[in-house]
Amino acid sequence: MGNVVRLQSAPRTATTEGETPDVLVPALARLRACGSDPIDVLRLADELPDMVLPCLTWAASRRRDIPPTAVRVLIKCCGDLFLERCLGRKRLRQLKARYPVSEAFQTF
Protein backbone atom coordinates (compact mmCIF):
# COMPACT_ATOMS: atom_id res chain seq x y z
CA MET A 1 0.00 0.00 0.00
CA GLY A 2 2.97 2.29 0.42
CA ASN A 3 3.78 2.26 -3.32
CA VAL A 4 1.23 4.45 -5.04
CA VAL A 5 1.74 4.84 -8.75
CA ARG A 6 1.06 8.37 -9.90
CA LEU A 7 0.20 8.89 -13.53
CA GLN A 8 1.33 12.15 -15.06
CA SER A 9 -0.32 13.39 -18.19
CA ALA A 10 -0.12 16.50 -20.28
CA PRO A 11 -3.20 18.23 -21.65
CA ARG A 12 -3.93 17.86 -25.33
CA THR A 13 -2.43 20.57 -27.49
CA ALA A 14 -4.44 19.89 -30.63
CA THR A 15 -8.08 19.33 -31.33
CA THR A 16 -9.39 15.82 -31.46
CA GLU A 17 -10.80 14.67 -34.73
CA GLY A 18 -14.47 13.91 -34.46
CA GLU A 19 -16.66 12.15 -36.93
CA THR A 20 -16.55 13.25 -40.54
CA PRO A 21 -19.36 15.68 -41.30
CA ASP A 22 -22.06 14.43 -43.65
CA VAL A 23 -21.46 17.44 -45.87
CA LEU A 24 -17.83 16.54 -46.53
CA VAL A 25 -18.30 13.85 -49.19
CA PRO A 26 -20.62 15.93 -51.42
CA ALA A 27 -18.34 18.94 -50.87
CA LEU A 28 -15.34 16.92 -52.07
CA ALA A 29 -17.29 15.91 -55.18
CA ARG A 30 -18.22 19.53 -55.86
CA LEU A 31 -14.62 20.63 -55.28
CA ARG A 32 -13.42 18.02 -57.76
CA ALA A 33 -15.95 19.37 -60.28
CA CYS A 34 -14.61 22.90 -59.77
CA GLY A 35 -11.24 21.85 -61.12
CA SER A 36 -8.48 24.41 -60.80
CA ASP A 37 -10.69 27.48 -61.35
CA PRO A 38 -10.23 29.70 -58.26
CA ILE A 39 -13.55 31.52 -58.76
CA ASP A 40 -15.54 28.27 -58.63
CA VAL A 41 -13.65 27.19 -55.51
CA LEU A 42 -14.41 30.55 -53.86
CA ARG A 43 -18.11 30.17 -54.72
CA LEU A 44 -18.12 26.70 -53.19
CA ALA A 45 -16.36 27.98 -50.04
CA ASP A 46 -18.97 30.73 -49.76
CA GLU A 47 -21.85 28.24 -49.95
CA LEU A 48 -20.49 25.80 -47.35
CA PRO A 49 -20.64 26.31 -43.57
CA ASP A 50 -17.45 27.69 -42.05
CA MET A 51 -16.81 24.66 -39.86
CA VAL A 52 -16.67 22.34 -42.88
CA LEU A 53 -13.89 24.27 -44.66
CA PRO A 54 -10.93 23.08 -42.53
CA CYS A 55 -12.08 19.45 -42.81
CA LEU A 56 -12.59 19.91 -46.54
CA THR A 57 -9.13 21.44 -46.90
CA TRP A 58 -7.49 18.58 -45.03
CA ALA A 59 -9.43 15.89 -46.93
CA ALA A 60 -8.75 17.57 -50.29
CA SER A 61 -5.03 17.75 -49.53
CA ARG A 62 -4.99 13.97 -49.08
CA ARG A 63 -6.62 13.21 -52.43
CA ARG A 64 -4.84 13.09 -55.76
CA ASP A 65 -7.88 13.91 -57.90
CA ILE A 66 -8.25 17.42 -56.41
CA PRO A 67 -6.01 20.02 -58.13
CA PRO A 68 -3.40 21.70 -55.90
CA THR A 69 -4.71 25.13 -56.90
CA ALA A 70 -8.06 24.35 -55.31
CA VAL A 71 -6.38 23.34 -52.05
CA ARG A 72 -4.29 26.53 -52.04
CA VAL A 73 -7.44 28.63 -52.48
CA LEU A 74 -9.10 26.81 -49.57
CA ILE A 75 -6.03 27.37 -47.38
CA LYS A 76 -6.12 31.07 -48.22
CA CYS A 77 -9.90 31.24 -47.56
CA CYS A 78 -9.63 29.63 -44.13
CA GLY A 79 -6.57 31.50 -42.94
CA ASP A 80 -3.79 30.23 -40.73
CA LEU A 81 -5.42 30.91 -37.37
CA PHE A 82 -8.69 29.18 -38.24
CA LEU A 83 -6.89 26.15 -39.67
CA GLU A 84 -4.66 25.95 -36.60
CA ARG A 85 -7.63 26.06 -34.23
CA CYS A 86 -9.54 23.39 -36.15
CA LEU A 87 -6.77 21.07 -37.36
CA GLY A 88 -3.89 21.68 -34.97
CA ARG A 89 -0.38 23.00 -35.53
CA LYS A 90 1.04 19.78 -36.93
CA ARG A 91 -1.54 19.47 -39.71
CA LEU A 92 -1.26 23.18 -40.51
CA ARG A 93 2.51 22.80 -40.93
CA GLN A 94 1.95 19.77 -43.16
CA LEU A 95 -0.54 21.71 -45.32
CA LYS A 96 1.74 24.73 -45.65
CA ALA A 97 4.75 22.55 -46.48
CA ARG A 98 2.90 20.60 -49.15
CA TYR A 99 0.97 23.56 -50.61
CA PRO A 100 3.05 26.72 -50.19
CA VAL A 101 1.25 29.92 -51.06
CA SER A 102 2.92 31.50 -54.07
CA GLU A 103 3.27 35.21 -54.79
CA ALA A 104 0.17 35.17 -57.00
CA PHE A 105 -1.97 34.13 -54.01
CA GLN A 106 -0.41 36.61 -51.56
CA THR A 107 -2.49 39.47 -52.97
CA PHE A 108 -5.50 37.23 -53.63
C-alpha atoms as a PDB file:
ATOM      1  CA  MET A   1       0.000   0.000   0.000  1.00  0.00           C
ATOM      2  CA  GLY A   2       2.968   2.295   0.418  1.00  0.00           C
ATOM      3  CA  ASN A   3       3.782   2.264  -3.317  1.00  0.00           C
ATOM      4  CA  VAL A   4       1.234   4.453  -5.041  1.00  0.00           C
ATOM      5  CA  VAL A   5       1.744   4.845  -8.754  1.00  0.00           C
ATOM      6  CA  ARG A   6       1.060   8.368  -9.902  1.00  0.00           C
ATOM      7  CA  LEU A   7       0.199   8.887 -13.530  1.00  0.00           C
ATOM      8  CA  GLN A   8       1.333  12.153 -15.060  1.00  0.00           C
ATOM      9  CA  SER A   9      -0.322  13.389 -18.185  1.00  0.00           C
ATOM     10  CA  ALA A  10      -0.117  16.496 -20.283  1.00  0.00           C
ATOM     11  CA  PRO A  11      -3.201  18.228 -21.655  1.00  0.00           C
ATOM     12  CA  ARG A  12      -3.926  17.864 -25.328  1.00  0.00           C
ATOM     13  CA  THR A  13      -2.433  20.566 -27.490  1.00  0.00           C
ATOM     14  CA  ALA A  14      -4.444  19.891 -30.627  1.00  0.00           C
ATOM     15  CA  THR A  15      -8.077  19.333 -31.325  1.00  0.00           C
ATOM     16  CA  THR A  16      -9.386  15.820 -31.464  1.00  0.00           C
ATOM     17  CA  GLU A  17     -10.800  14.672 -34.733  1.00  0.00           C
ATOM     18  CA  GLY A  18     -14.473  13.910 -34.463  1.00  0.00           C
ATOM     19  CA  GLU A  19     -16.663  12.154 -36.932  1.00  0.00           C
ATOM     20  CA  THR A  20     -16.549  13.250 -40.539  1.00  0.00           C
ATOM     21  CA  PRO A  21     -19.362  15.683 -41.297  1.00  0.00           C
ATOM     22  CA  ASP A  22     -22.063  14.432 -43.650  1.00  0.00           C
ATOM     23  CA  VAL A  23     -21.465  17.443 -45.870  1.00  0.00           C
ATOM     24  CA  LEU A  24     -17.832  16.544 -46.534  1.00  0.00           C
ATOM     25  CA  VAL A  25     -18.298  13.851 -49.189  1.00  0.00           C
ATOM     26  CA  PRO A  26     -20.617  15.927 -51.423  1.00  0.00           C
ATOM     27  CA  ALA A  27     -18.339  18.939 -50.868  1.00  0.00           C
ATOM     28  CA  LEU A  28     -15.344  16.920 -52.065  1.00  0.00           C
ATOM     29  CA  ALA A  29     -17.290  15.909 -55.180  1.00  0.00           C
ATOM     30  CA  ARG A  30     -18.219  19.526 -55.860  1.00  0.00           C
ATOM     31  CA  LEU A  31     -14.617  20.627 -55.275  1.00  0.00           C
ATOM     32  CA  ARG A  32     -13.424  18.018 -57.758  1.00  0.00           C
ATOM     33  CA  ALA A  33     -15.947  19.369 -60.277  1.00  0.00           C
ATOM     34  CA  CYS A  34     -14.612  22.903 -59.772  1.00  0.00           C
ATOM     35  CA  GLY A  35     -11.238  21.853 -61.125  1.00  0.00           C
ATOM     36  CA  SER A  36      -8.482  24.414 -60.800  1.00  0.00           C
ATOM     37  CA  ASP A  37     -10.690  27.484 -61.352  1.00  0.00           C
ATOM     38  CA  PRO A  38     -10.232  29.701 -58.258  1.00  0.00           C
ATOM     39  CA  ILE A  39     -13.550  31.519 -58.759  1.00  0.00           C
ATOM     40  CA  ASP A  40     -15.536  28.272 -58.631  1.00  0.00           C
ATOM     41  CA  VAL A  41     -13.650  27.186 -55.505  1.00  0.00           C
ATOM     42  CA  LEU A  42     -14.412  30.548 -53.864  1.00  0.00           C
ATOM     43  CA  ARG A  43     -18.114  30.170 -54.717  1.00  0.00           C
ATOM     44  CA  LEU A  44     -18.119  26.704 -53.186  1.00  0.00           C
ATOM     45  CA  ALA A  45     -16.359  27.982 -50.044  1.00  0.00           C
ATOM     46  CA  ASP A  46     -18.968  30.729 -49.759  1.00  0.00           C
ATOM     47  CA  GLU A  47     -21.846  28.236 -49.950  1.00  0.00           C
ATOM     48  CA  LEU A  48     -20.491  25.803 -47.345  1.00  0.00           C
ATOM     49  CA  PRO A  49     -20.636  26.310 -43.571  1.00  0.00           C
ATOM     50  CA  ASP A  50     -17.446  27.691 -42.051  1.00  0.00           C
ATOM     51  CA  MET A  51     -16.808  24.657 -39.861  1.00  0.00           C
ATOM     52  CA  VAL A  52     -16.668  22.341 -42.883  1.00  0.00           C
ATOM     53  CA  LEU A  53     -13.892  24.268 -44.658  1.00  0.00           C
ATOM     54  CA  PRO A  54     -10.930  23.076 -42.534  1.00  0.00           C
ATOM     55  CA  CYS A  55     -12.083  19.446 -42.809  1.00  0.00           C
ATOM     56  CA  LEU A  56     -12.588  19.907 -46.539  1.00  0.00           C
ATOM     57  CA  THR A  57      -9.125  21.442 -46.899  1.00  0.00           C
ATOM     58  CA  TRP A  58      -7.487  18.576 -45.027  1.00  0.00           C
ATOM     59  CA  ALA A  59      -9.430  15.893 -46.926  1.00  0.00           C
ATOM     60  CA  ALA A  60      -8.748  17.568 -50.289  1.00  0.00           C
ATOM     61  CA  SER A  61      -5.035  17.748 -49.532  1.00  0.00           C
ATOM     62  CA  ARG A  62      -4.987  13.966 -49.084  1.00  0.00           C
ATOM     63  CA  ARG A  63      -6.625  13.207 -52.432  1.00  0.00           C
ATOM     64  CA  ARG A  64      -4.842  13.094 -55.765  1.00  0.00           C
ATOM     65  CA  ASP A  65      -7.876  13.907 -57.896  1.00  0.00           C
ATOM     66  CA  ILE A  66      -8.247  17.423 -56.412  1.00  0.00           C
ATOM     67  CA  PRO A  67      -6.013  20.019 -58.126  1.00  0.00           C
ATOM     68  CA  PRO A  68      -3.399  21.696 -55.898  1.00  0.00           C
ATOM     69  CA  THR A  69      -4.705  25.130 -56.902  1.00  0.00           C
ATOM     70  CA  ALA A  70      -8.064  24.350 -55.306  1.00  0.00           C
ATOM     71  CA  VAL A  71      -6.378  23.338 -52.053  1.00  0.00           C
ATOM     72  CA  ARG A  72      -4.287  26.532 -52.041  1.00  0.00           C
ATOM     73  CA  VAL A  73      -7.438  28.626 -52.476  1.00  0.00           C
ATOM     74  CA  LEU A  74      -9.098  26.809 -49.572  1.00  0.00           C
ATOM     75  CA  ILE A  75      -6.031  27.374 -47.375  1.00  0.00           C
ATOM     76  CA  LYS A  76      -6.124  31.067 -48.223  1.00  0.00           C
ATOM     77  CA  CYS A  77      -9.905  31.238 -47.564  1.00  0.00           C
ATOM     78  CA  CYS A  78      -9.632  29.632 -44.132  1.00  0.00           C
ATOM     79  CA  GLY A  79      -6.572  31.504 -42.939  1.00  0.00           C
ATOM     80  CA  ASP A  80      -3.785  30.227 -40.726  1.00  0.00           C
ATOM     81  CA  LEU A  81      -5.424  30.906 -37.367  1.00  0.00           C
ATOM     82  CA  PHE A  82      -8.687  29.175 -38.238  1.00  0.00           C
ATOM     83  CA  LEU A  83      -6.888  26.150 -39.668  1.00  0.00           C
ATOM     84  CA  GLU A  84      -4.662  25.945 -36.596  1.00  0.00           C
ATOM     85  CA  ARG A  85      -7.632  26.056 -34.234  1.00  0.00           C
ATOM     86  CA  CYS A  86      -9.536  23.389 -36.153  1.00  0.00           C
ATOM     87  CA  LEU A  87      -6.771  21.067 -37.359  1.00  0.00           C
ATOM     88  CA  GLY A  88      -3.894  21.683 -34.972  1.00  0.00           C
ATOM     89  CA  ARG A  89      -0.377  22.995 -35.533  1.00  0.00           C
ATOM     90  CA  LYS A  90       1.037  19.778 -36.933  1.00  0.00           C
ATOM     91  CA  ARG A  91      -1.539  19.475 -39.706  1.00  0.00           C
ATOM     92  CA  LEU A  92      -1.259  23.181 -40.513  1.00  0.00           C
ATOM     93  CA  ARG A  93       2.512  22.798 -40.932  1.00  0.00           C
ATOM     94  CA  GLN A  94       1.946  19.775 -43.164  1.00  0.00           C
ATOM     95  CA  LEU A  95      -0.536  21.709 -45.316  1.00  0.00           C
ATOM     96  CA  LYS A  96       1.740  24.727 -45.655  1.00  0.00           C
ATOM     97  CA  ALA A  97       4.749  22.555 -46.480  1.00  0.00           C
ATOM     98  CA  ARG A  98       2.900  20.602 -49.147  1.00  0.00           C
ATOM     99  CA  TYR A  99       0.974  23.555 -50.605  1.00  0.00           C
ATOM    100  CA  PRO A 100       3.047  26.715 -50.192  1.00  0.00           C
ATOM    101  CA  VAL A 101       1.251  29.918 -51.059  1.00  0.00           C
ATOM    102  CA  SER A 102       2.924  31.502 -54.066  1.00  0.00           C
ATOM    103  CA  GLU A 103       3.271  35.207 -54.792  1.00  0.00           C
ATOM    104  CA  ALA A 104       0.170  35.166 -56.995  1.00  0.00           C
ATOM    105  CA  PHE A 105      -1.973  34.129 -54.014  1.00  0.00           C
ATOM    106  CA  GLN A 106      -0.406  36.608 -51.559  1.00  0.00           C
ATOM    107  CA  THR A 107      -2.492  39.465 -52.972  1.00  0.00           C
ATOM    108  CA  PHE A 108      -5.500  37.232 -53.631  1.00  0.00           C
END
